[in-house]
């Protein structure tokens, strides 16, 4: 049996706080996939979306995934209201779309090719694949929220394409796969 994790590990010698800019620079050396998270707003035909690269699978049983969302994101209240969201995995051809959904003045889901699930969740039709999730839990993550979702639908729409990856502050196709 393993020892339980402590919520406050003891540190033998105090260290200065790590600066956010330095942490961002260090973490940029880790390549991630690029997703757009979409959710219905509750208004007829309206939806919100935002670009996220802090996504990972968590559990196969039950099927859980998570992503991190800035506390000030316009998507936060929409997620709480709708209860469902889609994780859209972007292809290397969707870099412009990823940037369009990354800012405060985001692209409009209604202007991007998509379909709606029976729950009303928009799924981007040109994405590499998607997961539709029911909001399972939400946790404090400092200036972000950690959103856990239970996968209720998944899809890989067609022939495999090269994914869009985020590395060193820029988006790229994997070498030899574009």
N, C-alpha and C. Protein backbone atom coordinates (compact mmCIF):
# COMPACT_ATOMS: atom_id res chain seq x y z
N UNK A 1 0.84 -1.16 0.00
CA UNK A 1 0.00 0.00 0.00
C UNK A 1 0.89 1.24 0.00
N UNK A 2 0.58 2.20 -0.83
CA UNK A 2 1.40 3.40 -0.89
C UNK A 2 0.90 4.43 0.10
N UNK A 3 1.80 5.31 0.51
CA UNK A 3 1.45 6.37 1.46
C UNK A 3 0.57 7.40 0.77
N UNK A 4 -0.40 7.97 1.49
CA UNK A 4 -1.25 8.99 0.88
C UNK A 4 -0.45 10.27 0.62
N UNK A 5 -0.91 11.04 -0.36
CA UNK A 5 -0.27 12.31 -0.67
C UNK A 5 -0.65 13.33 0.40
N UNK A 6 0.29 14.13 0.77
CA UNK A 6 0.03 15.21 1.71
C UNK A 6 -0.38 16.44 0.91
N UNK A 7 -1.32 17.21 1.43
CA UNK A 7 -1.76 18.40 0.71
C UNK A 7 -0.78 19.55 0.86
N UNK A 8 0.11 19.49 1.84
CA UNK A 8 1.09 20.54 2.05
C UNK A 8 2.45 19.91 2.33
N UNK A 9 3.21 19.58 1.25
CA UNK A 9 4.51 18.94 1.47
C UNK A 9 5.46 19.88 2.21
N UNK A 10 6.31 19.31 3.05
CA UNK A 10 7.26 20.15 3.75
C UNK A 10 8.46 20.41 2.84
N UNK A 11 8.91 21.64 2.85
CA UNK A 11 10.06 22.04 2.05
C UNK A 11 11.16 22.38 3.04
N UNK A 12 12.32 21.70 2.94
CA UNK A 12 13.36 21.90 3.95
C UNK A 12 13.92 23.32 4.00
N UNK A 13 14.05 23.98 2.87
CA UNK A 13 14.59 25.34 2.83
C UNK A 13 13.67 26.20 1.98
N UNK A 14 13.21 27.33 2.52
CA UNK A 14 12.35 28.20 1.72
C UNK A 14 13.07 28.68 0.46
N UNK A 15 12.33 28.78 -0.60
CA UNK A 15 12.89 29.25 -1.88
C UNK A 15 12.07 30.43 -2.35
N UNK A 16 12.66 31.28 -3.18
CA UNK A 16 11.87 32.39 -3.72
C UNK A 16 10.78 31.85 -4.66
N UNK A 17 9.69 32.56 -4.76
CA UNK A 17 8.59 32.15 -5.63
C UNK A 17 9.04 32.13 -7.09
N UNK A 18 8.53 31.15 -7.82
CA UNK A 18 8.80 31.06 -9.25
C UNK A 18 7.94 32.11 -9.94
N UNK A 19 8.52 32.91 -10.81
CA UNK A 19 7.77 33.94 -11.53
C UNK A 19 6.97 33.31 -12.66
N UNK A 20 5.77 33.84 -12.87
CA UNK A 20 4.87 33.33 -13.92
C UNK A 20 5.51 33.32 -15.29
N UNK A 21 6.23 34.38 -15.64
CA UNK A 21 6.86 34.47 -16.96
C UNK A 21 7.90 33.36 -17.15
N UNK A 22 8.68 33.10 -16.10
CA UNK A 22 9.70 32.04 -16.17
C UNK A 22 9.04 30.67 -16.28
N UNK A 23 7.95 30.46 -15.54
CA UNK A 23 7.23 29.19 -15.62
C UNK A 23 6.66 28.98 -17.02
N UNK A 24 6.07 30.03 -17.59
CA UNK A 24 5.52 29.92 -18.95
C UNK A 24 6.63 29.55 -19.94
N UNK A 25 7.78 30.18 -19.82
CA UNK A 25 8.90 29.89 -20.71
C UNK A 25 9.37 28.44 -20.57
N UNK A 26 9.50 27.97 -19.33
CA UNK A 26 9.93 26.59 -19.11
C UNK A 26 8.91 25.60 -19.67
N UNK A 27 7.63 25.84 -19.43
CA UNK A 27 6.59 24.92 -19.90
C UNK A 27 6.42 24.96 -21.41
N UNK A 28 6.90 26.02 -22.06
CA UNK A 28 6.78 26.08 -23.52
C UNK A 28 7.65 25.03 -24.20
N UNK A 29 8.57 24.41 -23.46
CA UNK A 29 9.40 23.34 -24.02
C UNK A 29 8.64 22.02 -24.09
N UNK A 30 7.42 21.99 -23.57
CA UNK A 30 6.59 20.79 -23.63
C UNK A 30 5.56 20.98 -24.73
N UNK A 31 5.63 20.18 -25.77
CA UNK A 31 4.69 20.29 -26.89
C UNK A 31 3.33 19.71 -26.48
N UNK A 32 2.28 20.41 -26.86
CA UNK A 32 0.92 19.95 -26.55
C UNK A 32 0.07 20.00 -27.81
N UNK A 33 -1.02 19.28 -27.79
CA UNK A 33 -2.01 19.40 -28.84
C UNK A 33 -2.80 20.68 -28.65
N UNK A 34 -3.58 21.03 -29.66
CA UNK A 34 -4.39 22.25 -29.60
C UNK A 34 -5.84 21.86 -29.79
N UNK A 35 -6.69 22.35 -28.89
CA UNK A 35 -8.12 22.07 -28.95
C UNK A 35 -8.91 23.37 -28.94
N UNK A 36 -10.14 23.30 -29.39
CA UNK A 36 -11.11 24.36 -29.15
C UNK A 36 -12.24 23.71 -28.35
N UNK A 37 -12.50 24.29 -27.17
CA UNK A 37 -13.59 23.81 -26.32
C UNK A 37 -14.83 24.63 -26.70
N UNK A 38 -15.94 23.96 -26.99
CA UNK A 38 -17.17 24.64 -27.37
C UNK A 38 -18.31 24.23 -26.43
N UNK A 39 -19.23 25.16 -26.24
CA UNK A 39 -20.41 24.89 -25.41
C UNK A 39 -21.54 25.80 -25.86
N UNK A 40 -22.77 25.32 -25.72
CA UNK A 40 -23.96 26.11 -26.07
C UNK A 40 -24.24 27.11 -24.96
N UNK A 41 -24.71 28.30 -25.33
CA UNK A 41 -24.96 29.35 -24.35
C UNK A 41 -26.34 29.28 -23.71
N UNK A 42 -27.25 28.56 -24.30
CA UNK A 42 -28.62 28.56 -23.82
C UNK A 42 -29.51 29.45 -24.66
N UNK A 43 -28.91 30.36 -25.44
CA UNK A 43 -29.67 31.19 -26.37
C UNK A 43 -29.78 30.43 -27.68
N UNK A 44 -30.90 30.50 -28.37
CA UNK A 44 -31.08 29.75 -29.62
C UNK A 44 -29.95 30.03 -30.63
N UNK A 45 -29.28 28.95 -31.05
CA UNK A 45 -28.24 29.06 -32.07
C UNK A 45 -26.95 29.70 -31.62
N UNK A 46 -26.79 30.04 -30.35
CA UNK A 46 -25.59 30.71 -29.86
C UNK A 46 -24.69 29.74 -29.10
N UNK A 47 -23.39 29.94 -29.25
CA UNK A 47 -22.41 29.09 -28.57
C UNK A 47 -21.14 29.90 -28.36
N UNK A 48 -20.30 29.41 -27.49
CA UNK A 48 -18.99 30.01 -27.24
C UNK A 48 -17.93 28.95 -27.44
N UNK A 49 -16.72 29.41 -27.75
CA UNK A 49 -15.59 28.51 -27.89
C UNK A 49 -14.32 29.22 -27.49
N UNK A 50 -13.34 28.44 -27.03
CA UNK A 50 -12.05 29.01 -26.69
C UNK A 50 -10.95 27.99 -26.96
N UNK A 51 -9.80 28.47 -27.35
CA UNK A 51 -8.65 27.60 -27.63
C UNK A 51 -7.99 27.20 -26.32
N UNK A 52 -7.67 25.91 -26.21
CA UNK A 52 -7.07 25.37 -24.99
C UNK A 52 -6.00 24.36 -25.39
N UNK A 53 -4.83 24.43 -24.75
CA UNK A 53 -3.84 23.39 -24.97
C UNK A 53 -3.54 22.62 -23.69
N UNK A 54 -4.22 22.99 -22.60
CA UNK A 54 -4.03 22.27 -21.33
C UNK A 54 -5.12 21.20 -21.19
N UNK A 55 -5.05 20.19 -22.03
CA UNK A 55 -6.04 19.12 -22.08
C UNK A 55 -5.33 17.79 -21.85
N UNK A 56 -5.98 16.87 -21.15
CA UNK A 56 -5.44 15.52 -20.99
C UNK A 56 -6.55 14.53 -20.65
N UNK A 57 -6.32 13.27 -20.96
CA UNK A 57 -7.23 12.23 -20.52
C UNK A 57 -6.89 11.93 -19.06
N UNK A 58 -7.88 11.49 -18.28
CA UNK A 58 -7.70 11.25 -16.87
C UNK A 58 -7.97 9.80 -16.51
N UNK A 59 -9.10 9.25 -16.99
CA UNK A 59 -9.53 7.92 -16.57
C UNK A 59 -10.29 7.24 -17.70
N UNK A 60 -10.13 5.93 -17.81
CA UNK A 60 -10.90 5.17 -18.78
C UNK A 60 -12.21 4.65 -18.18
N UNK A 61 -12.23 4.44 -16.86
CA UNK A 61 -13.42 3.93 -16.21
C UNK A 61 -13.62 4.64 -14.87
N UNK A 62 -14.44 5.67 -14.81
CA UNK A 62 -15.28 6.20 -15.88
C UNK A 62 -14.43 6.99 -16.88
N UNK A 63 -14.96 7.23 -18.09
CA UNK A 63 -14.19 7.95 -19.11
C UNK A 63 -14.14 9.45 -18.79
N UNK A 64 -13.00 9.91 -18.26
CA UNK A 64 -12.86 11.30 -17.83
C UNK A 64 -11.69 11.99 -18.53
N UNK A 65 -11.88 13.26 -18.82
CA UNK A 65 -10.83 14.12 -19.37
C UNK A 65 -10.84 15.43 -18.57
N UNK A 66 -9.78 16.21 -18.72
CA UNK A 66 -9.77 17.51 -18.08
C UNK A 66 -9.09 18.54 -18.96
N UNK A 67 -9.43 19.79 -18.70
CA UNK A 67 -8.73 20.92 -19.29
C UNK A 67 -8.73 22.04 -18.27
N UNK A 68 -7.83 22.99 -18.46
CA UNK A 68 -7.74 24.13 -17.56
C UNK A 68 -8.21 25.38 -18.29
N UNK A 69 -9.00 26.18 -17.59
CA UNK A 69 -9.63 27.35 -18.17
C UNK A 69 -9.35 28.55 -17.28
N UNK A 70 -8.89 29.64 -17.87
CA UNK A 70 -8.62 30.86 -17.10
C UNK A 70 -9.90 31.31 -16.40
N UNK A 71 -9.77 31.74 -15.17
CA UNK A 71 -10.95 32.16 -14.39
C UNK A 71 -11.74 33.26 -15.07
N UNK A 72 -11.09 34.11 -15.86
CA UNK A 72 -11.77 35.23 -16.51
C UNK A 72 -12.34 34.86 -17.89
N UNK A 73 -12.19 33.61 -18.30
CA UNK A 73 -12.66 33.19 -19.61
C UNK A 73 -14.18 33.36 -19.74
N UNK A 74 -14.60 33.83 -20.87
CA UNK A 74 -16.04 33.98 -21.16
C UNK A 74 -16.73 32.62 -21.22
N UNK A 75 -15.96 31.53 -21.36
CA UNK A 75 -16.54 30.20 -21.45
C UNK A 75 -16.97 29.64 -20.10
N UNK A 76 -16.37 30.11 -19.00
CA UNK A 76 -16.68 29.58 -17.67
C UNK A 76 -18.16 29.58 -17.34
N UNK A 77 -18.83 30.73 -17.39
CA UNK A 77 -20.26 30.76 -17.08
C UNK A 77 -21.10 29.92 -18.05
N UNK A 78 -20.68 29.86 -19.30
CA UNK A 78 -21.40 29.06 -20.30
C UNK A 78 -21.32 27.58 -19.94
N UNK A 79 -20.15 27.12 -19.52
CA UNK A 79 -19.97 25.72 -19.13
C UNK A 79 -20.86 25.36 -17.94
N UNK A 80 -20.91 26.26 -16.97
CA UNK A 80 -21.72 25.99 -15.78
C UNK A 80 -23.21 25.93 -16.13
N UNK A 81 -23.63 26.79 -17.05
CA UNK A 81 -25.04 26.83 -17.44
C UNK A 81 -25.41 25.63 -18.30
N UNK A 82 -24.56 25.31 -19.28
CA UNK A 82 -24.91 24.27 -20.25
C UNK A 82 -24.74 22.85 -19.69
N UNK A 83 -23.71 22.66 -18.86
CA UNK A 83 -23.46 21.34 -18.30
C UNK A 83 -22.74 20.38 -19.24
N UNK A 84 -22.62 20.75 -20.52
CA UNK A 84 -21.93 19.90 -21.51
C UNK A 84 -20.98 20.75 -22.34
N UNK A 85 -19.96 20.11 -22.89
CA UNK A 85 -19.02 20.80 -23.76
C UNK A 85 -18.40 19.80 -24.72
N UNK A 86 -17.77 20.32 -25.76
CA UNK A 86 -17.04 19.48 -26.71
C UNK A 86 -15.57 19.90 -26.71
N UNK A 87 -14.71 18.90 -26.80
CA UNK A 87 -13.28 19.11 -26.99
C UNK A 87 -13.03 18.78 -28.45
N UNK A 88 -12.64 19.77 -29.24
CA UNK A 88 -12.39 19.59 -30.68
C UNK A 88 -10.88 19.59 -30.91
N UNK A 89 -10.33 18.47 -31.38
CA UNK A 89 -8.90 18.35 -31.65
C UNK A 89 -8.61 18.95 -33.02
N UNK A 90 -7.74 19.94 -33.07
CA UNK A 90 -7.50 20.65 -34.32
C UNK A 90 -6.42 20.00 -35.19
N UNK A 91 -6.60 20.14 -36.51
CA UNK A 91 -5.61 19.67 -37.47
C UNK A 91 -4.61 20.80 -37.75
N UNK A 92 -3.50 20.43 -38.37
CA UNK A 92 -2.48 21.44 -38.69
C UNK A 92 -3.03 22.51 -39.63
N UNK A 93 -4.10 22.24 -40.33
CA UNK A 93 -4.71 23.22 -41.24
C UNK A 93 -5.58 24.25 -40.51
N UNK A 94 -5.78 24.07 -39.21
CA UNK A 94 -6.69 24.93 -38.45
C UNK A 94 -5.98 25.93 -37.53
N UNK A 95 -4.76 26.26 -37.86
CA UNK A 95 -4.01 27.21 -37.04
C UNK A 95 -4.72 28.56 -36.95
N UNK A 96 -5.23 29.06 -38.05
CA UNK A 96 -5.94 30.34 -38.06
C UNK A 96 -7.17 30.28 -37.14
N UNK A 97 -7.87 29.17 -37.18
CA UNK A 97 -9.03 28.98 -36.32
C UNK A 97 -8.62 28.97 -34.84
N UNK A 98 -7.52 28.30 -34.53
CA UNK A 98 -7.03 28.26 -33.15
C UNK A 98 -6.74 29.66 -32.64
N UNK A 99 -6.06 30.47 -33.45
CA UNK A 99 -5.77 31.85 -33.03
C UNK A 99 -7.06 32.66 -32.92
N UNK A 100 -8.01 32.41 -33.81
CA UNK A 100 -9.27 33.16 -33.78
C UNK A 100 -10.06 32.92 -32.50
N UNK A 101 -9.97 31.73 -31.92
CA UNK A 101 -10.68 31.41 -30.69
C UNK A 101 -9.85 31.67 -29.44
N UNK A 102 -8.63 32.17 -29.60
CA UNK A 102 -7.74 32.32 -28.44
C UNK A 102 -7.84 33.68 -27.75
N UNK A 103 -8.40 34.68 -28.39
CA UNK A 103 -8.42 36.02 -27.80
C UNK A 103 -9.72 36.35 -27.10
N UNK A 104 -9.72 37.50 -26.45
CA UNK A 104 -10.93 37.99 -25.77
C UNK A 104 -12.06 38.21 -26.77
N UNK A 105 -11.73 38.81 -27.92
CA UNK A 105 -12.73 39.00 -28.98
C UNK A 105 -12.64 37.81 -29.92
N UNK A 106 -13.24 36.73 -29.48
CA UNK A 106 -13.10 35.44 -30.14
C UNK A 106 -13.95 35.34 -31.40
N UNK A 107 -13.58 34.36 -32.21
CA UNK A 107 -14.40 34.01 -33.37
C UNK A 107 -15.76 33.56 -32.86
N UNK A 108 -16.73 33.56 -33.72
CA UNK A 108 -18.07 33.10 -33.36
C UNK A 108 -18.26 31.68 -33.86
N UNK A 109 -18.69 30.80 -32.98
CA UNK A 109 -18.92 29.40 -33.35
C UNK A 109 -19.89 29.33 -34.53
N UNK A 110 -20.88 30.22 -34.54
CA UNK A 110 -21.90 30.20 -35.59
C UNK A 110 -21.31 30.42 -36.98
N UNK A 111 -20.12 31.01 -37.07
CA UNK A 111 -19.49 31.30 -38.36
C UNK A 111 -18.50 30.22 -38.80
N UNK A 112 -18.40 29.15 -38.03
CA UNK A 112 -17.47 28.06 -38.31
C UNK A 112 -18.30 26.81 -38.62
N UNK A 113 -17.92 26.02 -39.62
CA UNK A 113 -18.68 24.79 -39.90
C UNK A 113 -18.75 23.88 -38.67
N UNK A 114 -19.96 23.55 -38.27
CA UNK A 114 -20.16 22.69 -37.10
C UNK A 114 -21.52 22.01 -37.18
N UNK A 115 -21.69 21.03 -36.32
CA UNK A 115 -22.99 20.38 -36.15
C UNK A 115 -23.31 20.43 -34.67
N UNK A 116 -24.57 20.18 -34.34
CA UNK A 116 -24.99 20.18 -32.94
C UNK A 116 -25.30 18.75 -32.50
N UNK A 117 -24.90 18.42 -31.29
CA UNK A 117 -25.24 17.11 -30.71
C UNK A 117 -26.68 17.18 -30.21
N UNK A 118 -27.28 16.05 -29.83
CA UNK A 118 -28.63 16.09 -29.26
C UNK A 118 -28.73 17.02 -28.03
N UNK A 119 -27.60 17.21 -27.32
CA UNK A 119 -27.58 18.10 -26.16
C UNK A 119 -27.41 19.56 -26.56
N UNK A 120 -27.23 19.82 -27.87
CA UNK A 120 -27.04 21.19 -28.36
C UNK A 120 -25.60 21.66 -28.39
N UNK A 121 -24.65 20.78 -28.08
CA UNK A 121 -23.24 21.14 -28.05
C UNK A 121 -22.70 21.24 -29.47
N UNK A 122 -22.06 22.36 -29.82
CA UNK A 122 -21.47 22.47 -31.16
C UNK A 122 -20.18 21.66 -31.27
N UNK A 123 -20.06 20.89 -32.35
CA UNK A 123 -18.87 20.11 -32.65
C UNK A 123 -18.33 20.61 -33.98
N UNK A 124 -17.08 21.03 -34.03
CA UNK A 124 -16.49 21.56 -35.25
C UNK A 124 -16.33 20.44 -36.28
N UNK A 125 -16.93 20.60 -37.45
CA UNK A 125 -16.97 19.52 -38.44
C UNK A 125 -15.63 19.24 -39.09
N UNK A 126 -14.72 20.20 -39.14
CA UNK A 126 -13.42 19.97 -39.78
C UNK A 126 -12.33 19.57 -38.80
N UNK A 127 -12.68 19.33 -37.54
CA UNK A 127 -11.69 18.96 -36.53
C UNK A 127 -11.17 17.55 -36.78
N UNK A 128 -10.00 17.27 -36.25
CA UNK A 128 -9.36 15.96 -36.36
C UNK A 128 -10.19 14.90 -35.64
N UNK A 129 -10.81 15.29 -34.57
CA UNK A 129 -11.66 14.41 -33.77
C UNK A 129 -12.33 15.25 -32.70
N UNK A 130 -13.21 14.62 -31.94
CA UNK A 130 -13.90 15.37 -30.88
C UNK A 130 -14.33 14.44 -29.75
N UNK A 131 -14.55 15.04 -28.59
CA UNK A 131 -15.14 14.37 -27.44
C UNK A 131 -16.26 15.28 -26.94
N UNK A 132 -17.43 14.74 -26.75
CA UNK A 132 -18.52 15.49 -26.12
C UNK A 132 -18.56 15.02 -24.67
N UNK A 133 -18.60 15.98 -23.75
CA UNK A 133 -18.50 15.67 -22.33
C UNK A 133 -19.60 16.33 -21.52
N UNK A 134 -19.96 15.65 -20.46
CA UNK A 134 -20.84 16.21 -19.44
C UNK A 134 -19.92 16.73 -18.35
N UNK A 135 -20.15 17.97 -17.89
CA UNK A 135 -19.31 18.54 -16.83
C UNK A 135 -19.44 17.68 -15.59
N UNK A 136 -18.33 17.15 -15.12
CA UNK A 136 -18.28 16.19 -14.02
C UNK A 136 -17.90 16.86 -12.70
N UNK A 137 -16.89 17.74 -12.77
CA UNK A 137 -16.43 18.45 -11.58
C UNK A 137 -15.59 19.64 -12.00
N UNK A 138 -15.39 20.54 -11.05
CA UNK A 138 -14.56 21.72 -11.29
C UNK A 138 -13.73 21.94 -10.03
N UNK A 139 -12.44 22.24 -10.21
CA UNK A 139 -11.55 22.40 -9.08
C UNK A 139 -10.77 23.70 -9.20
N UNK A 140 -10.34 24.21 -8.05
CA UNK A 140 -9.51 25.40 -8.02
C UNK A 140 -8.14 25.07 -8.57
N UNK A 141 -7.65 25.93 -9.44
CA UNK A 141 -6.31 25.77 -9.99
C UNK A 141 -5.61 27.11 -10.05
N UNK A 142 -5.64 27.88 -8.96
CA UNK A 142 -5.00 29.20 -8.94
C UNK A 142 -5.76 30.17 -9.83
N UNK A 143 -5.08 30.73 -10.83
CA UNK A 143 -5.76 31.66 -11.72
C UNK A 143 -6.55 30.93 -12.81
N UNK A 144 -6.59 29.62 -12.74
CA UNK A 144 -7.36 28.79 -13.67
C UNK A 144 -8.34 27.89 -12.91
N UNK A 145 -9.30 27.37 -13.63
CA UNK A 145 -10.21 26.34 -13.13
C UNK A 145 -9.82 25.04 -13.80
N UNK A 146 -9.85 23.97 -13.07
CA UNK A 146 -9.60 22.64 -13.63
C UNK A 146 -10.97 22.02 -13.86
N UNK A 147 -11.32 21.82 -15.12
CA UNK A 147 -12.65 21.32 -15.49
C UNK A 147 -12.52 19.85 -15.88
N UNK A 148 -13.25 19.00 -15.17
CA UNK A 148 -13.26 17.57 -15.43
C UNK A 148 -14.56 17.23 -16.15
N UNK A 149 -14.46 16.47 -17.23
CA UNK A 149 -15.64 16.09 -17.99
C UNK A 149 -15.72 14.60 -18.19
N UNK A 150 -16.95 14.08 -18.17
CA UNK A 150 -17.20 12.67 -18.47
C UNK A 150 -17.56 12.55 -19.94
N UNK A 151 -16.82 11.76 -20.68
CA UNK A 151 -17.02 11.62 -22.13
C UNK A 151 -18.30 10.84 -22.38
N UNK A 152 -19.21 11.43 -23.19
CA UNK A 152 -20.47 10.76 -23.53
C UNK A 152 -20.57 10.48 -25.03
N UNK A 153 -19.65 11.05 -25.82
CA UNK A 153 -19.62 10.80 -27.27
C UNK A 153 -18.20 11.09 -27.74
N UNK A 154 -17.76 10.36 -28.75
CA UNK A 154 -16.46 10.66 -29.35
C UNK A 154 -16.51 10.39 -30.83
N UNK A 155 -15.59 11.00 -31.54
CA UNK A 155 -15.58 10.78 -32.98
C UNK A 155 -14.27 11.16 -33.62
N UNK A 156 -13.90 10.37 -34.62
CA UNK A 156 -12.80 10.65 -35.53
C UNK A 156 -13.43 10.67 -36.91
N UNK A 157 -13.68 11.86 -37.46
CA UNK A 157 -14.54 11.97 -38.63
C UNK A 157 -14.04 11.40 -39.95
N UNK A 158 -12.75 11.30 -40.16
CA UNK A 158 -12.31 10.86 -41.47
C UNK A 158 -10.87 10.41 -41.45
N UNK A 159 -10.21 10.47 -42.62
CA UNK A 159 -8.82 10.04 -42.68
C UNK A 159 -7.94 10.85 -41.74
N UNK A 160 -6.98 10.19 -41.16
CA UNK A 160 -6.08 10.84 -40.21
C UNK A 160 -5.33 11.98 -40.88
N UNK A 161 -5.27 13.09 -40.18
CA UNK A 161 -4.50 14.25 -40.62
C UNK A 161 -3.48 14.56 -39.54
N UNK A 162 -2.57 15.42 -39.86
CA UNK A 162 -1.58 15.85 -38.89
C UNK A 162 -2.24 16.76 -37.86
N UNK A 163 -1.95 16.56 -36.58
CA UNK A 163 -2.53 17.43 -35.56
C UNK A 163 -1.80 18.77 -35.50
N UNK A 164 -2.48 19.74 -34.94
CA UNK A 164 -1.87 21.03 -34.65
C UNK A 164 -1.25 20.93 -33.26
N UNK A 165 0.02 21.32 -33.13
CA UNK A 165 0.69 21.27 -31.84
C UNK A 165 1.18 22.67 -31.46
N UNK A 166 1.26 22.90 -30.16
CA UNK A 166 1.74 24.17 -29.62
C UNK A 166 3.07 23.91 -28.95
N UNK A 167 4.11 24.65 -29.38
CA UNK A 167 5.46 24.46 -28.86
C UNK A 167 6.22 25.77 -28.94
N UNK A 168 6.83 26.15 -27.83
CA UNK A 168 7.62 27.38 -27.75
C UNK A 168 6.82 28.61 -28.19
N UNK A 169 5.53 28.66 -27.80
CA UNK A 169 4.71 29.83 -28.06
C UNK A 169 4.16 29.95 -29.47
N UNK A 170 4.33 28.90 -30.27
CA UNK A 170 3.84 28.95 -31.66
C UNK A 170 3.15 27.63 -31.99
N UNK A 171 2.32 27.67 -33.04
CA UNK A 171 1.62 26.46 -33.48
C UNK A 171 2.35 25.87 -34.68
N UNK A 172 2.38 24.52 -34.72
CA UNK A 172 3.15 23.80 -35.74
C UNK A 172 2.43 22.53 -36.13
N UNK A 173 2.77 21.99 -37.31
CA UNK A 173 2.40 20.63 -37.69
C UNK A 173 3.57 19.75 -37.28
N UNK A 174 3.30 18.50 -36.95
CA UNK A 174 4.39 17.59 -36.65
C UNK A 174 5.21 17.35 -37.91
N UNK A 175 6.54 17.33 -37.81
CA UNK A 175 7.37 17.10 -39.00
C UNK A 175 7.03 15.76 -39.67
N UNK A 176 6.92 15.77 -40.97
CA UNK A 176 6.69 14.55 -41.73
C UNK A 176 5.26 14.06 -41.72
N UNK A 177 4.34 14.82 -41.09
CA UNK A 177 2.95 14.36 -41.05
C UNK A 177 2.00 15.30 -41.76
N UNK A 178 2.49 16.43 -42.20
CA UNK A 178 1.60 17.44 -42.83
C UNK A 178 1.27 17.04 -44.24
